[in-house]
N, C-alpha and C. Protein backbone atom coordinates (compact mmCIF):
# COMPACT_ATOMS: atom_id res chain seq x y z
N UNK A 1 86.39 196.78 -13.95
CA UNK A 1 86.48 195.38 -13.54
C UNK A 1 85.35 195.07 -12.55
N UNK A 2 84.83 193.84 -12.61
CA UNK A 2 83.75 193.39 -11.72
C UNK A 2 84.33 193.16 -10.33
N UNK A 3 83.92 193.94 -9.35
CA UNK A 3 84.45 193.72 -8.02
C UNK A 3 84.06 192.39 -7.38
N UNK A 4 82.91 191.90 -7.76
CA UNK A 4 82.58 190.59 -7.28
C UNK A 4 83.47 189.52 -7.82
N UNK A 5 83.94 189.63 -9.08
CA UNK A 5 84.92 188.70 -9.60
C UNK A 5 86.23 188.76 -8.77
N UNK A 6 86.68 189.95 -8.52
CA UNK A 6 87.94 190.08 -7.80
C UNK A 6 87.84 189.48 -6.41
N UNK A 7 86.68 189.74 -5.75
CA UNK A 7 86.46 189.18 -4.45
C UNK A 7 86.45 187.64 -4.47
N UNK A 8 85.81 187.10 -5.47
CA UNK A 8 85.65 185.68 -5.57
C UNK A 8 86.99 185.03 -5.85
N UNK A 9 87.82 185.68 -6.75
CA UNK A 9 89.14 185.14 -7.12
C UNK A 9 90.04 185.17 -5.80
N UNK A 10 89.98 186.23 -5.04
CA UNK A 10 90.78 186.37 -3.91
C UNK A 10 90.37 185.34 -2.89
N UNK A 11 89.06 185.09 -2.74
CA UNK A 11 88.47 184.10 -1.76
C UNK A 11 88.95 182.76 -2.19
N UNK A 12 88.89 182.40 -3.48
CA UNK A 12 89.30 181.13 -3.96
C UNK A 12 90.70 180.92 -3.64
N UNK A 13 91.60 181.86 -3.80
CA UNK A 13 92.96 181.79 -3.50
C UNK A 13 93.22 181.48 -1.98
N UNK A 14 92.49 182.13 -1.14
CA UNK A 14 92.61 181.97 0.28
C UNK A 14 92.11 180.59 0.72
N UNK A 15 91.07 180.12 0.14
CA UNK A 15 90.59 178.75 0.40
C UNK A 15 91.60 177.74 -0.05
N UNK A 16 92.07 177.94 -1.29
CA UNK A 16 93.00 177.03 -1.88
C UNK A 16 94.31 176.95 -1.10
N UNK A 17 94.71 178.03 -0.42
CA UNK A 17 95.89 178.09 0.36
C UNK A 17 95.80 177.27 1.64
N UNK A 18 94.57 177.02 2.07
CA UNK A 18 94.38 176.15 3.18
C UNK A 18 94.39 174.62 2.86
N UNK A 19 93.90 174.32 1.74
CA UNK A 19 93.85 172.93 1.37
C UNK A 19 95.21 172.30 1.20
N UNK A 20 95.33 170.95 1.47
CA UNK A 20 96.62 170.31 1.54
C UNK A 20 97.27 170.06 0.22
N UNK A 21 96.59 170.28 -0.92
CA UNK A 21 97.17 170.15 -2.28
C UNK A 21 97.62 168.70 -2.58
N UNK A 22 96.95 167.70 -2.02
CA UNK A 22 97.24 166.35 -2.42
C UNK A 22 96.64 166.06 -3.83
N UNK A 23 95.62 166.82 -4.29
CA UNK A 23 95.02 166.65 -5.55
C UNK A 23 94.38 165.20 -5.67
N UNK A 24 93.90 164.71 -4.61
CA UNK A 24 93.51 163.27 -4.58
C UNK A 24 92.07 163.03 -5.02
N UNK A 25 91.26 164.08 -5.21
CA UNK A 25 89.93 164.04 -5.76
C UNK A 25 88.94 163.34 -4.81
N UNK A 26 89.30 163.04 -3.59
CA UNK A 26 88.33 162.38 -2.62
C UNK A 26 87.18 163.31 -2.34
N UNK A 27 87.44 164.63 -2.47
CA UNK A 27 86.37 165.55 -2.22
C UNK A 27 85.24 165.60 -3.24
N UNK A 28 85.46 164.84 -4.34
CA UNK A 28 84.59 164.65 -5.43
C UNK A 28 84.86 165.68 -6.60
N UNK A 29 85.87 166.52 -6.35
CA UNK A 29 86.26 167.46 -7.40
C UNK A 29 87.57 167.01 -8.01
N UNK A 30 87.94 167.65 -9.14
CA UNK A 30 89.18 167.25 -9.84
C UNK A 30 90.42 167.82 -9.31
N UNK A 31 90.43 168.16 -8.10
CA UNK A 31 91.64 168.75 -7.48
C UNK A 31 91.28 169.76 -6.41
N UNK A 32 92.33 170.25 -5.76
CA UNK A 32 92.02 171.16 -4.63
C UNK A 32 91.49 172.56 -5.12
N UNK A 33 92.01 173.06 -6.23
CA UNK A 33 91.48 174.28 -6.77
C UNK A 33 89.96 174.23 -7.14
N UNK A 34 89.60 173.25 -7.92
CA UNK A 34 88.13 173.15 -8.14
C UNK A 34 87.28 173.06 -6.91
N UNK A 35 87.76 172.34 -5.87
CA UNK A 35 87.07 172.24 -4.64
C UNK A 35 86.95 173.64 -4.00
N UNK A 36 88.08 174.35 -4.07
CA UNK A 36 88.05 175.73 -3.47
C UNK A 36 87.08 176.63 -4.20
N UNK A 37 87.03 176.50 -5.53
CA UNK A 37 86.06 177.25 -6.33
C UNK A 37 84.63 176.93 -5.96
N UNK A 38 84.38 175.70 -5.71
CA UNK A 38 83.00 175.26 -5.32
C UNK A 38 82.64 175.83 -3.99
N UNK A 39 83.61 175.80 -3.03
CA UNK A 39 83.28 176.33 -1.76
C UNK A 39 83.02 177.81 -1.83
N UNK A 40 83.78 178.50 -2.63
CA UNK A 40 83.61 179.97 -2.79
C UNK A 40 82.22 180.32 -3.33
N UNK A 41 81.66 179.41 -4.11
CA UNK A 41 80.37 179.52 -4.72
C UNK A 41 79.24 179.08 -3.81
N UNK A 42 79.60 178.44 -2.69
CA UNK A 42 78.63 177.84 -1.81
C UNK A 42 78.12 176.53 -2.29
N UNK A 43 78.83 175.84 -3.19
CA UNK A 43 78.38 174.63 -3.81
C UNK A 43 79.05 173.40 -3.20
N UNK A 44 79.97 173.55 -2.19
CA UNK A 44 80.57 172.43 -1.54
C UNK A 44 80.73 172.77 -0.07
N UNK A 45 80.74 171.74 0.82
CA UNK A 45 80.90 171.97 2.17
C UNK A 45 82.39 171.98 2.62
N UNK A 46 82.65 172.42 3.90
CA UNK A 46 84.00 172.62 4.25
C UNK A 46 84.62 171.29 4.86
N UNK A 47 83.80 170.23 4.86
CA UNK A 47 84.27 169.00 5.53
C UNK A 47 84.40 167.81 4.52
N UNK A 48 84.83 168.16 3.35
CA UNK A 48 84.95 167.07 2.30
C UNK A 48 86.40 166.70 2.00
N UNK A 49 87.31 167.07 2.85
CA UNK A 49 88.77 166.86 2.61
C UNK A 49 89.39 165.87 3.55
N UNK A 50 89.32 164.61 3.28
CA UNK A 50 89.97 163.63 4.21
C UNK A 50 91.47 163.92 4.49
N UNK A 51 92.29 164.19 3.52
CA UNK A 51 93.68 164.42 3.88
C UNK A 51 93.89 165.60 4.85
N UNK A 52 93.02 166.62 4.69
CA UNK A 52 93.19 167.81 5.56
C UNK A 52 92.69 167.56 6.99
N UNK A 53 91.59 166.75 7.06
CA UNK A 53 91.03 166.39 8.35
C UNK A 53 90.52 167.56 9.12
N UNK A 54 90.59 167.50 10.47
CA UNK A 54 90.02 168.49 11.39
C UNK A 54 90.72 169.85 11.19
N UNK A 55 92.04 169.84 11.06
CA UNK A 55 92.80 171.10 10.97
C UNK A 55 92.30 171.96 9.79
N UNK A 56 92.11 171.34 8.65
CA UNK A 56 91.68 172.08 7.48
C UNK A 56 90.19 172.57 7.70
N UNK A 57 89.39 171.71 8.26
CA UNK A 57 87.99 172.12 8.46
C UNK A 57 87.99 173.37 9.41
N UNK A 58 88.75 173.34 10.47
CA UNK A 58 88.80 174.45 11.36
C UNK A 58 89.25 175.73 10.69
N UNK A 59 90.21 175.65 9.88
CA UNK A 59 90.79 176.79 9.10
C UNK A 59 89.81 177.34 8.11
N UNK A 60 89.11 176.44 7.43
CA UNK A 60 88.06 176.87 6.48
C UNK A 60 86.86 177.47 7.20
N UNK A 61 86.48 176.90 8.32
CA UNK A 61 85.35 177.45 9.07
C UNK A 61 85.63 178.83 9.58
N UNK A 62 86.93 179.05 9.96
CA UNK A 62 87.31 180.40 10.46
C UNK A 62 87.30 181.40 9.29
N UNK A 63 87.78 180.97 8.14
CA UNK A 63 87.85 181.91 6.97
C UNK A 63 86.45 182.20 6.47
N UNK A 64 85.59 181.21 6.40
CA UNK A 64 84.26 181.37 5.79
C UNK A 64 83.15 181.82 6.75
N UNK A 65 83.56 181.95 8.04
CA UNK A 65 82.58 182.38 9.05
C UNK A 65 81.52 181.34 9.35
N UNK A 66 81.92 180.05 9.29
CA UNK A 66 80.98 178.94 9.55
C UNK A 66 81.38 178.25 10.83
N UNK A 67 80.40 177.48 11.31
CA UNK A 67 80.69 176.63 12.47
C UNK A 67 81.46 175.39 12.01
N UNK A 68 82.46 175.00 12.72
CA UNK A 68 83.19 173.77 12.37
C UNK A 68 82.24 172.56 12.46
N UNK A 69 82.53 171.56 11.73
CA UNK A 69 81.73 170.28 11.68
C UNK A 69 82.58 169.10 11.45
N UNK A 70 82.25 167.85 11.89
CA UNK A 70 83.07 166.72 11.63
C UNK A 70 83.27 166.45 10.24
N UNK A 71 84.38 165.76 9.90
CA UNK A 71 84.73 165.35 8.54
C UNK A 71 83.58 164.44 8.04
N UNK A 72 83.19 164.67 6.84
CA UNK A 72 82.16 163.81 6.19
C UNK A 72 82.84 162.53 5.70
N UNK A 73 82.75 161.44 6.43
CA UNK A 73 83.48 160.23 6.00
C UNK A 73 82.98 159.54 4.83
N UNK A 74 81.91 160.04 4.26
CA UNK A 74 81.51 159.53 2.92
C UNK A 74 82.50 159.82 1.88
N UNK A 75 83.42 160.78 2.17
CA UNK A 75 84.48 161.17 1.26
C UNK A 75 85.80 160.50 1.63
N UNK A 76 85.79 159.74 2.70
CA UNK A 76 87.02 159.04 3.18
C UNK A 76 87.35 159.44 4.62
N UNK A 77 88.26 158.67 5.13
CA UNK A 77 88.73 158.84 6.55
C UNK A 77 90.07 159.58 6.55
N UNK A 78 90.27 160.42 7.58
CA UNK A 78 91.51 161.06 7.77
C UNK A 78 92.51 160.05 8.38
N UNK A 79 93.79 160.07 7.95
CA UNK A 79 94.74 159.20 8.49
C UNK A 79 96.12 159.78 8.32
N UNK A 80 97.16 159.09 8.76
CA UNK A 80 98.54 159.52 8.64
C UNK A 80 98.83 159.77 7.16
N UNK A 81 99.78 160.69 6.99
CA UNK A 81 100.21 160.97 5.55
C UNK A 81 100.90 159.76 5.02
N UNK A 82 100.69 159.49 3.71
CA UNK A 82 101.38 158.38 3.00
C UNK A 82 102.03 158.79 1.73
N UNK A 83 102.90 158.01 1.25
CA UNK A 83 103.56 158.17 -0.04
C UNK A 83 103.45 156.82 -0.78
N UNK A 84 103.82 156.80 -2.05
CA UNK A 84 103.77 155.51 -2.75
C UNK A 84 105.23 155.10 -3.16
N UNK A 85 105.38 153.83 -3.27
CA UNK A 85 106.68 153.27 -3.78
C UNK A 85 106.34 152.29 -4.93
N UNK A 86 107.32 152.11 -5.83
CA UNK A 86 107.12 151.21 -6.96
C UNK A 86 108.08 149.96 -6.74
N UNK A 87 107.56 148.81 -6.85
CA UNK A 87 108.34 147.62 -6.87
C UNK A 87 109.04 147.54 -8.28
N UNK A 88 110.24 148.04 -8.34
CA UNK A 88 110.88 148.23 -9.64
C UNK A 88 111.16 146.91 -10.38
N UNK A 89 111.21 145.81 -9.63
CA UNK A 89 111.41 144.51 -10.26
C UNK A 89 110.23 144.08 -11.04
N UNK A 90 109.05 144.59 -10.64
CA UNK A 90 107.79 144.18 -11.27
C UNK A 90 107.29 145.21 -12.30
N UNK A 91 107.84 146.39 -12.21
CA UNK A 91 107.40 147.51 -13.09
C UNK A 91 107.65 147.07 -14.63
N UNK A 92 106.63 147.32 -15.45
CA UNK A 92 106.77 146.97 -16.87
C UNK A 92 106.99 148.20 -17.74
N UNK A 93 106.96 149.39 -17.09
CA UNK A 93 107.22 150.64 -17.87
C UNK A 93 106.06 151.07 -18.77
N UNK A 94 104.78 150.82 -18.29
CA UNK A 94 103.68 151.12 -19.11
C UNK A 94 103.31 152.60 -19.12
N UNK A 95 103.83 153.37 -18.18
CA UNK A 95 103.71 154.81 -18.05
C UNK A 95 102.36 155.33 -17.55
N UNK A 96 101.47 154.27 -17.24
CA UNK A 96 100.02 154.67 -16.76
C UNK A 96 100.06 155.40 -15.41
N UNK A 97 101.06 155.06 -14.57
CA UNK A 97 101.15 155.80 -13.26
C UNK A 97 101.63 157.17 -13.47
N UNK A 98 102.53 157.35 -14.44
CA UNK A 98 103.12 158.68 -14.75
C UNK A 98 101.95 159.55 -15.21
N UNK A 99 101.10 159.05 -16.07
CA UNK A 99 99.96 159.83 -16.59
C UNK A 99 98.97 160.17 -15.46
N UNK A 100 98.83 159.32 -14.45
CA UNK A 100 97.89 159.51 -13.36
C UNK A 100 98.33 160.50 -12.29
N UNK A 101 99.65 160.66 -12.16
CA UNK A 101 100.17 161.51 -11.02
C UNK A 101 99.92 162.94 -11.31
N UNK A 102 99.20 163.61 -10.30
CA UNK A 102 98.80 165.02 -10.59
C UNK A 102 99.94 166.06 -10.31
N UNK A 103 101.04 165.57 -9.79
CA UNK A 103 102.15 166.50 -9.56
C UNK A 103 103.47 166.02 -10.19
N UNK A 104 103.33 165.14 -11.16
CA UNK A 104 104.52 164.65 -11.88
C UNK A 104 105.67 164.15 -10.97
N UNK A 105 105.27 163.32 -9.97
CA UNK A 105 106.22 162.84 -8.99
C UNK A 105 106.78 161.44 -9.31
N UNK A 106 106.43 160.96 -10.53
CA UNK A 106 106.96 159.69 -10.96
C UNK A 106 107.80 159.89 -12.19
N UNK A 107 108.97 159.27 -12.20
CA UNK A 107 109.91 159.36 -13.31
C UNK A 107 109.95 158.03 -14.04
N UNK A 108 110.17 158.10 -15.34
CA UNK A 108 110.34 156.87 -16.12
C UNK A 108 109.95 157.11 -17.57
N UNK A 109 110.05 156.11 -18.40
CA UNK A 109 109.72 156.22 -19.81
C UNK A 109 109.14 154.90 -20.22
N UNK A 110 108.54 154.89 -21.37
CA UNK A 110 107.86 153.68 -21.88
C UNK A 110 108.89 152.52 -21.93
N UNK A 111 108.47 151.34 -21.41
CA UNK A 111 109.21 150.12 -21.35
C UNK A 111 110.48 150.19 -20.51
N UNK A 112 110.58 151.24 -19.69
CA UNK A 112 111.71 151.37 -18.75
C UNK A 112 111.11 151.51 -17.37
N UNK A 113 111.96 151.14 -16.34
CA UNK A 113 111.55 151.10 -14.99
C UNK A 113 111.15 152.50 -14.51
N UNK A 114 110.05 152.59 -13.71
CA UNK A 114 109.66 153.88 -13.13
C UNK A 114 110.09 153.93 -11.68
N UNK A 115 110.16 155.17 -11.17
CA UNK A 115 110.45 155.37 -9.78
C UNK A 115 109.75 156.63 -9.30
N UNK A 116 109.53 156.66 -7.97
CA UNK A 116 108.78 157.79 -7.37
C UNK A 116 109.71 158.80 -6.73
N UNK A 117 109.52 160.00 -6.89
CA UNK A 117 110.21 161.06 -6.20
C UNK A 117 109.50 161.32 -4.87
N UNK A 118 109.98 160.57 -3.85
CA UNK A 118 109.28 160.54 -2.53
C UNK A 118 109.00 161.97 -2.02
N UNK A 119 109.94 162.89 -2.12
CA UNK A 119 109.76 164.13 -1.57
C UNK A 119 108.65 164.97 -2.21
N UNK A 120 108.30 164.65 -3.46
CA UNK A 120 107.26 165.31 -4.19
C UNK A 120 105.91 164.61 -4.18
N UNK A 121 105.90 163.32 -3.71
CA UNK A 121 104.68 162.55 -3.70
C UNK A 121 103.71 163.15 -2.71
N UNK A 122 102.43 163.35 -3.05
CA UNK A 122 101.40 163.95 -2.17
C UNK A 122 100.59 162.84 -1.46
N UNK A 123 100.82 161.60 -1.89
CA UNK A 123 100.02 160.52 -1.26
C UNK A 123 98.60 160.47 -1.76
N UNK A 124 98.38 160.98 -2.95
CA UNK A 124 97.02 160.97 -3.50
C UNK A 124 96.47 159.56 -3.84
N UNK A 125 97.43 158.64 -4.18
CA UNK A 125 97.14 157.25 -4.53
C UNK A 125 96.42 157.14 -5.89
N UNK A 126 96.42 158.17 -6.69
CA UNK A 126 95.75 158.01 -7.96
C UNK A 126 96.49 157.09 -8.94
N UNK A 127 97.75 156.83 -8.67
CA UNK A 127 98.52 155.91 -9.45
C UNK A 127 98.22 154.45 -9.25
N UNK A 128 97.61 154.09 -8.09
CA UNK A 128 97.43 152.66 -7.72
C UNK A 128 96.53 151.94 -8.66
N UNK A 129 95.37 152.51 -8.94
CA UNK A 129 94.38 151.80 -9.78
C UNK A 129 94.78 151.55 -11.20
N UNK A 130 95.48 152.51 -11.85
CA UNK A 130 95.87 152.19 -13.27
C UNK A 130 96.89 151.18 -13.48
N UNK A 131 97.70 150.89 -12.44
CA UNK A 131 98.80 149.93 -12.57
C UNK A 131 98.32 148.59 -12.89
N UNK A 132 98.70 148.01 -14.06
CA UNK A 132 98.12 146.66 -14.44
C UNK A 132 98.81 145.50 -13.71
N UNK A 133 99.87 145.72 -13.06
CA UNK A 133 100.53 144.61 -12.41
C UNK A 133 100.66 144.79 -10.81
N UNK A 134 99.95 145.80 -10.34
CA UNK A 134 99.91 146.05 -8.90
C UNK A 134 101.31 146.09 -8.24
N UNK A 135 102.17 146.89 -8.92
CA UNK A 135 103.52 147.04 -8.28
C UNK A 135 103.74 148.30 -7.59
N UNK A 136 102.65 149.05 -7.38
CA UNK A 136 102.76 150.29 -6.61
C UNK A 136 102.03 150.15 -5.24
N UNK A 137 102.76 150.56 -4.18
CA UNK A 137 102.23 150.35 -2.86
C UNK A 137 102.30 151.66 -2.06
N UNK A 138 101.25 151.84 -1.20
CA UNK A 138 101.18 152.99 -0.31
C UNK A 138 101.82 152.71 1.00
N UNK A 139 102.69 153.52 1.42
CA UNK A 139 103.43 153.31 2.74
C UNK A 139 103.38 154.64 3.51
N UNK A 140 103.58 154.52 4.87
CA UNK A 140 103.66 155.78 5.69
C UNK A 140 104.74 156.78 5.16
N UNK A 141 104.43 158.03 5.15
CA UNK A 141 105.40 159.02 4.76
C UNK A 141 106.56 158.97 5.69
N UNK A 142 107.83 159.31 5.18
CA UNK A 142 109.06 159.18 5.95
C UNK A 142 108.97 159.81 7.35
N UNK A 143 108.43 161.08 7.48
CA UNK A 143 108.34 161.69 8.75
C UNK A 143 107.27 162.76 8.68
N UNK A 144 106.56 162.97 9.84
CA UNK A 144 105.52 164.09 9.86
C UNK A 144 106.19 165.39 9.75
N UNK A 145 105.49 166.35 9.16
CA UNK A 145 106.03 167.70 9.03
C UNK A 145 105.30 168.64 10.01
N UNK A 146 106.05 169.66 10.51
CA UNK A 146 105.39 170.68 11.33
C UNK A 146 104.47 171.55 10.37
N UNK A 147 103.64 172.39 10.97
CA UNK A 147 102.76 173.15 10.22
C UNK A 147 103.34 174.01 9.11
N UNK A 148 104.48 174.69 9.49
CA UNK A 148 105.16 175.55 8.51
C UNK A 148 105.69 174.84 7.32
N UNK A 149 106.36 173.71 7.59
CA UNK A 149 106.97 172.91 6.53
C UNK A 149 105.86 172.27 5.63
N UNK A 150 104.79 171.85 6.33
CA UNK A 150 103.65 171.31 5.56
C UNK A 150 103.05 172.27 4.58
N UNK A 151 102.96 173.49 5.06
CA UNK A 151 102.39 174.56 4.13
C UNK A 151 103.27 174.88 3.01
N UNK A 152 104.65 174.84 3.27
CA UNK A 152 105.65 175.03 2.25
C UNK A 152 105.48 173.92 1.13
N UNK A 153 105.37 172.69 1.69
CA UNK A 153 105.31 171.58 0.76
C UNK A 153 104.01 171.62 -0.04
N UNK A 154 102.95 172.07 0.55
CA UNK A 154 101.64 172.21 -0.11
C UNK A 154 101.77 173.25 -1.20
N UNK A 155 102.49 174.31 -0.98
CA UNK A 155 102.69 175.33 -1.97
C UNK A 155 103.45 174.82 -3.15
N UNK A 156 104.48 173.98 -2.91
CA UNK A 156 105.22 173.42 -3.95
C UNK A 156 104.37 172.45 -4.79
N UNK A 157 103.55 171.61 -4.13
CA UNK A 157 102.66 170.74 -4.77
C UNK A 157 101.62 171.46 -5.59
N UNK A 158 101.20 172.64 -5.19
CA UNK A 158 100.28 173.42 -5.98
C UNK A 158 100.87 173.85 -7.32
N UNK A 159 102.14 174.29 -7.21
CA UNK A 159 102.83 174.76 -8.37
C UNK A 159 103.12 173.61 -9.35
N UNK A 160 103.46 172.49 -8.79
CA UNK A 160 103.77 171.26 -9.58
C UNK A 160 102.47 170.81 -10.30
N UNK A 161 101.33 170.94 -9.62
CA UNK A 161 100.06 170.63 -10.25
C UNK A 161 99.71 171.53 -11.43
N UNK A 162 100.01 172.77 -11.25
CA UNK A 162 99.72 173.79 -12.23
C UNK A 162 100.54 173.46 -13.46
N UNK A 163 101.84 173.19 -13.31
CA UNK A 163 102.70 172.78 -14.41
C UNK A 163 102.22 171.51 -15.07
N UNK A 164 101.68 170.59 -14.20
CA UNK A 164 101.21 169.35 -14.77
C UNK A 164 100.06 169.58 -15.70
N UNK A 165 99.15 170.42 -15.28
CA UNK A 165 97.97 170.76 -16.11
C UNK A 165 98.38 171.44 -17.36
N UNK A 166 99.35 172.33 -17.27
CA UNK A 166 99.83 173.06 -18.42
C UNK A 166 100.46 172.02 -19.47
N UNK A 167 101.29 171.14 -18.86
CA UNK A 167 101.95 170.07 -19.70
C UNK A 167 100.86 169.26 -20.43
N UNK A 168 99.81 168.91 -19.74
CA UNK A 168 98.79 168.06 -20.35
C UNK A 168 98.07 168.80 -21.48
N UNK A 169 97.86 170.12 -21.32
CA UNK A 169 97.23 170.91 -22.38
C UNK A 169 98.14 170.98 -23.59
N UNK A 170 99.39 171.16 -23.44
CA UNK A 170 100.36 171.18 -24.59
C UNK A 170 100.39 169.85 -25.25
N UNK A 171 100.45 168.76 -24.49
CA UNK A 171 100.48 167.42 -24.97
C UNK A 171 99.20 167.11 -25.79
N UNK A 172 98.09 167.50 -25.19
CA UNK A 172 96.80 167.28 -25.90
C UNK A 172 96.78 167.98 -27.25
N UNK A 173 97.27 169.17 -27.28
CA UNK A 173 97.30 169.94 -28.52
C UNK A 173 98.17 169.26 -29.59
N UNK A 174 99.33 168.80 -29.11
CA UNK A 174 100.27 168.10 -30.02
C UNK A 174 99.67 166.81 -30.59
N UNK A 175 98.96 166.06 -29.66
CA UNK A 175 98.39 164.86 -30.04
C UNK A 175 97.29 165.03 -31.10
N UNK A 176 96.53 166.07 -30.87
CA UNK A 176 95.42 166.34 -31.76
C UNK A 176 95.98 166.65 -33.16
N UNK A 177 97.05 167.52 -33.19
CA UNK A 177 97.69 167.84 -34.48
C UNK A 177 98.30 166.57 -35.15
N UNK A 178 98.89 165.66 -34.34
CA UNK A 178 99.46 164.51 -34.91
C UNK A 178 98.40 163.55 -35.52
N UNK A 179 97.29 163.45 -34.78
CA UNK A 179 96.16 162.58 -35.25
C UNK A 179 95.55 163.12 -36.56
N UNK A 180 95.50 164.46 -36.61
CA UNK A 180 94.95 165.07 -37.86
C UNK A 180 95.86 164.77 -39.05
N UNK A 181 97.14 164.65 -38.85
CA UNK A 181 98.04 164.44 -39.90
C UNK A 181 98.21 162.91 -40.27
N UNK A 182 97.95 162.04 -39.24
CA UNK A 182 98.15 160.59 -39.44
C UNK A 182 96.84 160.00 -39.95
N UNK A 183 97.02 158.89 -40.65
CA UNK A 183 95.86 158.09 -41.18
C UNK A 183 95.19 157.36 -40.04
N UNK A 184 93.80 157.19 -40.12
CA UNK A 184 93.09 156.45 -39.08
C UNK A 184 93.73 155.05 -38.83
N UNK A 185 94.09 154.38 -40.00
CA UNK A 185 94.61 153.05 -39.83
C UNK A 185 95.97 152.99 -39.07
N UNK A 186 96.81 154.00 -39.27
CA UNK A 186 98.09 154.13 -38.49
C UNK A 186 97.82 154.36 -37.02
N UNK A 187 96.90 155.24 -36.75
CA UNK A 187 96.56 155.58 -35.37
C UNK A 187 96.04 154.31 -34.65
N UNK A 188 95.13 153.56 -35.28
CA UNK A 188 94.56 152.38 -34.67
C UNK A 188 95.64 151.33 -34.48
N UNK A 189 96.55 151.17 -35.46
CA UNK A 189 97.60 150.15 -35.35
C UNK A 189 98.51 150.50 -34.18
N UNK A 190 98.86 151.78 -33.99
CA UNK A 190 99.73 152.18 -32.92
C UNK A 190 99.10 151.89 -31.59
N UNK A 191 97.76 152.17 -31.43
CA UNK A 191 97.03 151.91 -30.19
C UNK A 191 97.04 150.46 -29.90
N UNK A 192 96.74 149.60 -30.92
CA UNK A 192 96.66 148.14 -30.77
C UNK A 192 98.03 147.55 -30.39
N UNK A 193 99.08 148.13 -30.95
CA UNK A 193 100.39 147.69 -30.66
C UNK A 193 100.77 147.93 -29.17
N UNK A 194 100.38 149.11 -28.72
CA UNK A 194 100.65 149.46 -27.30
C UNK A 194 99.89 148.56 -26.35
N UNK A 195 98.63 148.29 -26.70
CA UNK A 195 97.86 147.39 -25.79
C UNK A 195 98.45 145.99 -25.77
N UNK A 196 98.85 145.47 -26.96
CA UNK A 196 99.57 144.14 -27.05
C UNK A 196 100.85 144.11 -26.20
N UNK A 197 101.55 145.12 -26.31
CA UNK A 197 102.83 145.23 -25.49
C UNK A 197 102.61 145.16 -24.00
N UNK A 198 101.57 145.94 -23.57
CA UNK A 198 101.26 145.98 -22.13
C UNK A 198 100.68 144.64 -21.71
N UNK A 199 99.90 143.95 -22.53
CA UNK A 199 99.37 142.65 -22.17
C UNK A 199 100.46 141.67 -22.01
N UNK A 200 101.39 141.70 -22.93
CA UNK A 200 102.56 140.72 -22.89
C UNK A 200 103.40 141.01 -21.62
N UNK A 201 103.62 142.29 -21.31
CA UNK A 201 104.38 142.60 -20.07
C UNK A 201 103.69 142.19 -18.83
N UNK A 202 102.36 142.29 -18.80
CA UNK A 202 101.60 141.84 -17.70
C UNK A 202 101.73 140.36 -17.45
N UNK A 203 101.69 139.61 -18.57
CA UNK A 203 101.89 138.11 -18.46
C UNK A 203 103.27 137.77 -17.91
N UNK A 204 104.29 138.54 -18.31
CA UNK A 204 105.58 138.27 -17.75
C UNK A 204 105.71 138.50 -16.32
N UNK A 205 105.05 139.59 -15.85
CA UNK A 205 105.06 139.89 -14.40
C UNK A 205 104.32 138.85 -13.60
N UNK A 206 103.20 138.39 -14.13
CA UNK A 206 102.42 137.40 -13.43
C UNK A 206 103.27 136.12 -13.33
N UNK A 207 104.03 135.78 -14.38
CA UNK A 207 104.93 134.63 -14.29
C UNK A 207 105.94 134.84 -13.19
N UNK A 208 106.51 136.04 -13.12
CA UNK A 208 107.51 136.35 -12.02
C UNK A 208 106.88 136.17 -10.66
N UNK A 209 105.65 136.66 -10.50
CA UNK A 209 104.99 136.51 -9.21
C UNK A 209 104.82 135.11 -8.80
N UNK A 210 104.36 134.25 -9.76
CA UNK A 210 104.11 132.85 -9.53
C UNK A 210 105.51 132.19 -9.15
N UNK A 211 106.53 132.52 -9.87
CA UNK A 211 107.87 131.98 -9.54
C UNK A 211 108.29 132.40 -8.14
N UNK A 212 108.08 133.66 -7.78
CA UNK A 212 108.37 134.11 -6.49
C UNK A 212 107.67 133.39 -5.39
N UNK A 213 106.38 133.21 -5.62
CA UNK A 213 105.56 132.46 -4.63
C UNK A 213 106.03 131.03 -4.43
N UNK A 214 106.34 130.36 -5.61
CA UNK A 214 106.77 128.94 -5.53
C UNK A 214 108.14 128.85 -4.79
N UNK A 215 109.03 129.80 -5.04
CA UNK A 215 110.29 129.83 -4.34
C UNK A 215 110.18 130.00 -2.87
N UNK A 216 109.25 130.99 -2.55
CA UNK A 216 109.05 131.26 -1.10
C UNK A 216 108.43 130.01 -0.40
N UNK A 217 107.51 129.36 -1.07
CA UNK A 217 106.93 128.10 -0.45
C UNK A 217 108.01 127.05 -0.29
N UNK A 218 108.87 126.94 -1.33
CA UNK A 218 109.87 125.98 -1.33
C UNK A 218 110.92 126.24 -0.19
N UNK A 219 111.27 127.45 0.03
CA UNK A 219 112.12 127.79 1.10
C UNK A 219 111.51 127.53 2.43
N UNK A 220 110.20 127.84 2.57
CA UNK A 220 109.50 127.67 3.79
C UNK A 220 109.45 126.13 4.15
N UNK A 221 109.29 125.37 3.15
CA UNK A 221 109.18 123.93 3.37
C UNK A 221 110.51 123.38 3.81
N UNK A 222 111.65 123.93 3.27
CA UNK A 222 112.94 123.51 3.65
C UNK A 222 113.25 123.86 5.13
N UNK A 223 112.73 125.03 5.50
CA UNK A 223 113.07 125.51 6.88
C UNK A 223 112.17 124.78 7.96
N UNK A 224 111.01 124.24 7.53
CA UNK A 224 110.14 123.59 8.51
C UNK A 224 110.77 122.36 9.00
N UNK A 225 110.71 122.07 10.39
CA UNK A 225 111.29 120.86 11.02
C UNK A 225 110.69 119.64 10.37
N UNK A 226 111.60 118.60 10.24
CA UNK A 226 111.20 117.35 9.70
C UNK A 226 110.27 116.61 10.71
N UNK A 227 109.28 115.99 10.21
CA UNK A 227 108.35 115.31 11.09
C UNK A 227 108.87 113.84 11.29
């Protein structure tokens, strides 16, 4: 066995163990593990992880025998930990947020209300952009964790991400097999039907938002003192 391969694999594991496992991709890589692999190869710097901030930079510098350096804010700024919540009254059940979550911390099904498992949310915010009705919001995490608990939660997030990737591979394989068996016309019709359903749901949510705003304005007008 190649001893260099063993060394690199071990080094990648040690680097990955330091990273916060948000899987947010702010570092420019597709997750914490790819970022760790790049650092082990000398292809990425130790200061590209905004969620980890100074603490992670110091630990990486110590492990890799480098001088600590400030966070490169071109990748984002360090801040308090956050999680996301879904406005369930506005959720249209499109499943786009479920697909985006790297740790499967969102529960729901097509055309049904979705909800976030707060304890498993890493605060990556990858679910915000795909939401067609802007019903997902980032809020401060319930409470800060001490270092030991934070490491334990990161380890859980790492395993959830691994299972997420495995699930995607299995799903991709099944979808490929299904497409090979289905006619092109049927596949196109299914895709068009889904797009139409999402567009209709978006219109309904927009109507709800307009109604909410009108009601709020009406109530504010009633509460204002008569001139």
